[in-house]
């Protein structure tokens, strides 16, 4: 589920303001 959410956030990033730290922590956790 987290991978799906991360992908959605990355696709939506140009349209909404997403904290880059959240994206980085999610990506690191998935690895």
Protein backbone atom coordinates (compact mmCIF):
# COMPACT_ATOMS: atom_id res chain seq x y z
CA UNK A 1 0.00 0.00 0.00
CA UNK A 2 2.80 2.43 0.85
CA UNK A 3 4.35 1.95 -2.59
CA UNK A 4 1.01 2.80 -4.21
CA UNK A 5 0.60 5.91 -2.06
CA UNK A 6 4.17 7.00 -2.78
CA UNK A 7 3.56 6.63 -6.52
CA UNK A 8 0.34 8.66 -6.28
CA UNK A 9 2.11 11.39 -4.31
CA UNK A 10 4.93 11.55 -6.85
CA UNK A 11 2.42 11.85 -9.70
CA UNK A 12 0.45 14.54 -7.85
CA UNK A 13 3.53 16.51 -6.77
CA UNK A 14 3.31 19.10 -9.58
CA UNK A 15 -0.28 19.92 -8.58
CA UNK A 16 -0.18 19.90 -4.77
CA UNK A 17 2.46 20.79 -2.20
CA UNK A 18 3.84 17.61 -0.62
CA UNK A 19 6.55 17.67 2.03
CA UNK A 20 9.67 16.21 0.41
CA UNK A 21 10.75 14.78 3.78
CA UNK A 22 7.61 12.63 3.85
CA UNK A 23 8.33 11.29 0.37
CA UNK A 24 11.96 10.60 1.26
CA UNK A 25 11.08 8.78 4.50
CA UNK A 26 8.49 6.65 2.72
CA UNK A 27 10.95 5.77 -0.05
CA UNK A 28 13.66 4.92 2.50
CA UNK A 29 11.25 2.76 4.50
CA UNK A 30 10.27 0.82 1.37
CA UNK A 31 13.89 0.03 0.55
